[in-house]
Amino acid sequence: MAQGVDAAELGILLVVSGPSGVGKTSVVQALADRMAFHFSVSWTTRRPRPGEQDGVDYVFVDRAVFEHGIAAGGFLEWAEYSGYLYGTPREAVIAHLERGENVLLDIENDGAGQVKRAYPEAVLVFILPPTMEELERRLRSRGDTSDEDIRKRLAVAEEQINEAERDFDILVTNTEVAAVADEIVSILAAATGP
């Protein structure tokens, strides 16, 4: 937290995580319909894909710039996936929070843990599937995932769920998107007071 900023005036840093196929993106969209959030734009060292815009989908930088940011403590969280670096810029997020704006991050478990260590006031929400069978059904219904990939994702999901029970502030089961979003908003309202 910045000096000279009253904690009551700070926005909420909400971190939403969950396994692949749990409906996290739908929950995040439903949350945005219920509360005002600034969506943090991550930095990455990968090249833009067709249709992606710099500063909208990601901030695209070269590896040297990103590594300088790491060395300077410029990220709330960062990770390397498939040879590319991804991270949440600290300064931009803190600036929004200090203006009283809520900030939402949609990131993986490891990144959520890094955010909590860097900014202990963050609220970590983990979206659970109703059952592992339902999660498998959702992954299969996408129609673009091989059986081997589904097995891998389910194994990762089990690990993520075990970690979430230990590391996250709020766990909600996604049986219905609107109900999950309403539950999260209610929990946040109760936690932040009138």
Protein backbone atom coordinates (compact mmCIF):
# COMPACT_ATOMS: atom_id res chain seq x y z
CA MET A 1 0.00 0.00 0.00
CA ALA A 2 1.25 3.47 -0.82
CA GLN A 3 2.06 5.96 1.89
CA GLY A 4 -0.47 8.74 2.33
CA VAL A 5 -3.38 6.73 0.87
CA ASP A 6 -6.14 5.80 3.29
CA ALA A 7 -6.86 2.05 3.12
CA ALA A 8 -10.60 2.83 2.94
CA GLU A 9 -9.97 4.78 -0.28
CA LEU A 10 -8.10 1.96 -2.04
CA GLY A 11 -9.76 -0.16 -4.67
CA ILE A 12 -9.95 -3.95 -4.35
CA LEU A 13 -7.34 -6.10 -6.08
CA LEU A 14 -9.34 -9.20 -7.02
CA VAL A 15 -7.46 -12.21 -8.37
CA VAL A 16 -9.57 -14.90 -10.05
CA SER A 17 -8.10 -18.32 -10.77
CA GLY A 18 -9.40 -21.75 -11.62
CA PRO A 19 -8.63 -24.82 -13.68
CA SER A 20 -8.97 -24.91 -17.45
CA GLY A 21 -12.61 -25.49 -18.41
CA VAL A 22 -14.14 -24.31 -15.13
CA GLY A 23 -15.82 -21.29 -16.72
CA LYS A 24 -13.48 -18.66 -15.29
CA THR A 25 -13.77 -16.32 -18.29
CA SER A 26 -17.58 -16.40 -18.06
CA VAL A 27 -17.44 -15.67 -14.32
CA VAL A 28 -15.05 -12.75 -14.89
CA GLN A 29 -17.41 -11.31 -17.53
CA ALA A 30 -20.36 -11.69 -15.14
CA LEU A 31 -18.38 -9.96 -12.38
CA ALA A 32 -17.64 -7.07 -14.71
CA ASP A 33 -21.39 -6.68 -15.29
CA ARG A 34 -21.92 -6.35 -11.52
CA MET A 35 -18.93 -4.26 -10.39
CA ALA A 36 -16.62 -1.74 -11.99
CA PHE A 37 -13.17 -3.25 -12.55
CA HIS A 38 -10.04 -2.21 -14.36
CA PHE A 39 -8.72 -5.25 -16.20
CA SER A 40 -4.97 -5.36 -15.90
CA VAL A 41 -3.18 -5.84 -19.23
CA SER A 42 -0.31 -8.31 -18.88
CA TRP A 43 3.08 -7.92 -20.49
CA THR A 44 4.47 -10.71 -22.66
CA THR A 45 7.53 -11.45 -24.75
CA ARG A 46 5.63 -13.47 -27.34
CA ARG A 47 4.66 -12.01 -30.70
CA PRO A 48 1.11 -10.72 -31.21
CA ARG A 49 -1.30 -13.23 -32.72
CA PRO A 50 -3.53 -12.14 -35.61
CA GLY A 51 -6.10 -9.66 -34.32
CA GLU A 52 -4.32 -8.91 -31.03
CA GLN A 53 -3.59 -5.27 -30.23
CA ASP A 54 -0.63 -3.97 -28.25
CA GLY A 55 -1.84 -2.40 -25.01
CA VAL A 56 -5.27 -4.05 -25.30
CA ASP A 57 -4.68 -7.81 -25.33
CA TYR A 58 -1.12 -7.62 -23.99
CA VAL A 59 1.75 -5.20 -23.84
CA PHE A 60 4.21 -6.84 -26.23
CA VAL A 61 7.86 -6.28 -25.28
CA ASP A 62 11.17 -7.94 -26.06
CA ARG A 63 12.84 -10.24 -23.55
CA ALA A 64 15.48 -7.70 -22.48
CA VAL A 65 12.81 -5.13 -21.53
CA PHE A 66 10.83 -7.75 -19.60
CA GLU A 67 13.91 -9.05 -17.77
CA HIS A 68 14.82 -5.48 -16.82
CA GLY A 69 11.32 -5.15 -15.35
CA ILE A 70 11.83 -8.34 -13.33
CA ALA A 71 15.17 -7.12 -11.99
CA ALA A 72 13.63 -3.76 -11.04
CA GLY A 73 10.74 -5.43 -9.16
CA GLY A 74 8.29 -4.11 -11.72
CA PHE A 75 5.87 -7.05 -11.67
CA LEU A 76 3.33 -8.20 -9.09
CA GLU A 77 3.70 -11.64 -10.65
CA TRP A 78 5.40 -13.17 -13.63
CA ALA A 79 6.00 -16.60 -15.14
CA GLU A 80 7.47 -18.27 -18.18
CA TYR A 81 5.25 -20.47 -20.37
CA SER A 82 6.43 -22.18 -23.55
CA GLY A 83 9.56 -20.03 -23.68
CA TYR A 84 7.72 -16.70 -23.32
CA LEU A 85 7.50 -14.43 -20.27
CA TYR A 86 4.16 -13.12 -18.99
CA GLY A 87 3.60 -10.73 -16.10
CA THR A 88 1.37 -8.22 -14.33
CA PRO A 89 2.96 -4.74 -14.13
CA ARG A 90 3.05 -3.52 -10.52
CA GLU A 91 3.02 0.25 -11.10
CA ALA A 92 -0.10 0.33 -13.30
CA VAL A 93 -2.10 -1.89 -10.93
CA ILE A 94 -1.13 0.09 -7.82
CA ALA A 95 -1.95 3.39 -9.58
CA HIS A 96 -5.52 2.19 -10.29
CA LEU A 97 -5.96 0.91 -6.72
CA GLU A 98 -4.75 4.21 -5.27
CA ARG A 99 -7.36 6.04 -7.35
CA GLY A 100 -9.98 3.89 -5.61
CA GLU A 101 -10.56 1.72 -8.69
CA ASN A 102 -11.01 -2.04 -8.38
CA VAL A 103 -8.56 -4.13 -10.39
CA LEU A 104 -9.23 -7.67 -11.60
CA LEU A 105 -6.53 -10.17 -12.54
CA ASP A 106 -7.40 -13.46 -14.28
CA ILE A 107 -4.26 -15.53 -13.67
CA GLU A 108 -3.02 -18.99 -12.70
CA ASN A 109 -2.46 -20.27 -9.13
CA ASP A 110 1.29 -19.58 -9.08
CA GLY A 111 0.78 -16.00 -10.18
CA ALA A 112 -2.00 -15.55 -7.62
CA GLY A 113 0.39 -16.62 -4.86
CA GLN A 114 3.02 -14.14 -6.09
CA VAL A 115 0.41 -11.35 -6.07
CA LYS A 116 -0.64 -12.19 -2.49
CA ARG A 117 2.99 -12.04 -1.33
CA ALA A 118 3.58 -8.73 -3.15
CA TYR A 119 0.23 -7.18 -2.18
CA PRO A 120 -1.23 -8.95 0.89
CA GLU A 121 -4.49 -6.97 0.65
CA ALA A 122 -5.37 -8.79 -2.60
CA VAL A 123 -8.45 -11.01 -2.47
CA LEU A 124 -7.82 -14.39 -4.11
CA VAL A 125 -10.87 -16.21 -5.52
CA PHE A 126 -10.66 -19.75 -6.87
CA ILE A 127 -13.43 -21.12 -9.08
CA LEU A 128 -14.10 -24.80 -8.43
CA PRO A 129 -15.91 -27.21 -10.77
CA PRO A 130 -19.02 -28.89 -9.33
CA THR A 131 -17.24 -32.25 -9.81
CA MET A 132 -14.22 -33.51 -11.71
CA GLU A 133 -16.63 -35.40 -13.99
CA GLU A 134 -18.35 -32.13 -14.87
CA LEU A 135 -14.99 -30.48 -15.52
CA GLU A 136 -14.09 -33.32 -17.89
CA ARG A 137 -17.47 -32.94 -19.64
CA ARG A 138 -16.86 -29.20 -20.10
CA LEU A 139 -13.37 -29.80 -21.50
CA ARG A 140 -14.70 -32.43 -23.92
CA SER A 141 -17.58 -30.19 -25.03
CA ARG A 142 -15.07 -27.69 -26.42
CA GLY A 143 -14.30 -30.20 -29.16
CA ASP A 144 -10.75 -28.94 -29.62
CA THR A 145 -8.92 -30.93 -26.94
CA SER A 146 -7.36 -34.38 -27.36
CA ASP A 147 -7.94 -37.17 -24.82
CA GLU A 148 -4.29 -36.90 -23.74
CA ASP A 149 -4.59 -33.15 -23.24
CA ILE A 150 -7.80 -33.61 -21.26
CA ARG A 151 -6.05 -36.13 -18.97
CA LYS A 152 -3.19 -33.66 -18.42
CA ARG A 153 -5.57 -30.77 -17.72
CA LEU A 154 -7.56 -32.85 -15.22
CA ALA A 155 -4.35 -33.84 -13.40
CA VAL A 156 -3.28 -30.18 -13.25
CA ALA A 157 -6.79 -29.24 -12.07
CA GLU A 158 -6.56 -31.67 -9.14
CA GLU A 159 -3.24 -30.11 -8.09
CA GLN A 160 -4.65 -26.59 -8.46
CA ILE A 161 -7.72 -27.45 -6.36
CA ASN A 162 -5.54 -28.89 -3.57
CA GLU A 163 -3.37 -25.75 -3.59
CA ALA A 164 -6.43 -23.47 -3.68
CA GLU A 165 -7.88 -24.95 -0.51
CA ARG A 166 -4.69 -23.88 1.25
CA ASP A 167 -3.79 -20.62 -0.52
CA PHE A 168 -6.98 -18.82 -1.63
CA ASP A 169 -9.25 -16.52 0.37
CA ILE A 170 -12.51 -17.52 -1.32
CA LEU A 171 -13.49 -20.77 -3.02
CA VAL A 172 -16.72 -20.85 -5.03
CA THR A 173 -18.21 -23.69 -7.03
CA ASN A 174 -19.30 -22.81 -10.55
CA THR A 175 -22.65 -24.54 -10.90
CA GLU A 176 -24.18 -21.45 -12.52
CA VAL A 177 -22.20 -18.39 -13.65
CA ALA A 178 -24.60 -15.66 -12.48
CA ALA A 179 -24.92 -17.23 -9.02
CA VAL A 180 -21.12 -17.45 -8.67
CA ALA A 181 -20.68 -13.81 -9.67
CA ASP A 182 -23.41 -12.74 -7.23
CA GLU A 183 -21.75 -14.75 -4.43
CA ILE A 184 -18.35 -13.16 -5.07
CA VAL A 185 -19.84 -9.64 -5.13
CA SER A 186 -21.67 -10.33 -1.84
CA ILE A 187 -18.48 -11.62 -0.19
CA LEU A 188 -16.52 -8.58 -1.37
CA ALA A 189 -19.23 -6.20 -0.17
CA ALA A 190 -19.25 -7.85 3.28
CA ALA A 191 -15.45 -7.77 3.47
CA THR A 192 -15.14 -4.09 2.54
CA GLY A 193 -18.03 -2.83 4.63
CA PRO A 194 -20.66 -0.21 3.73
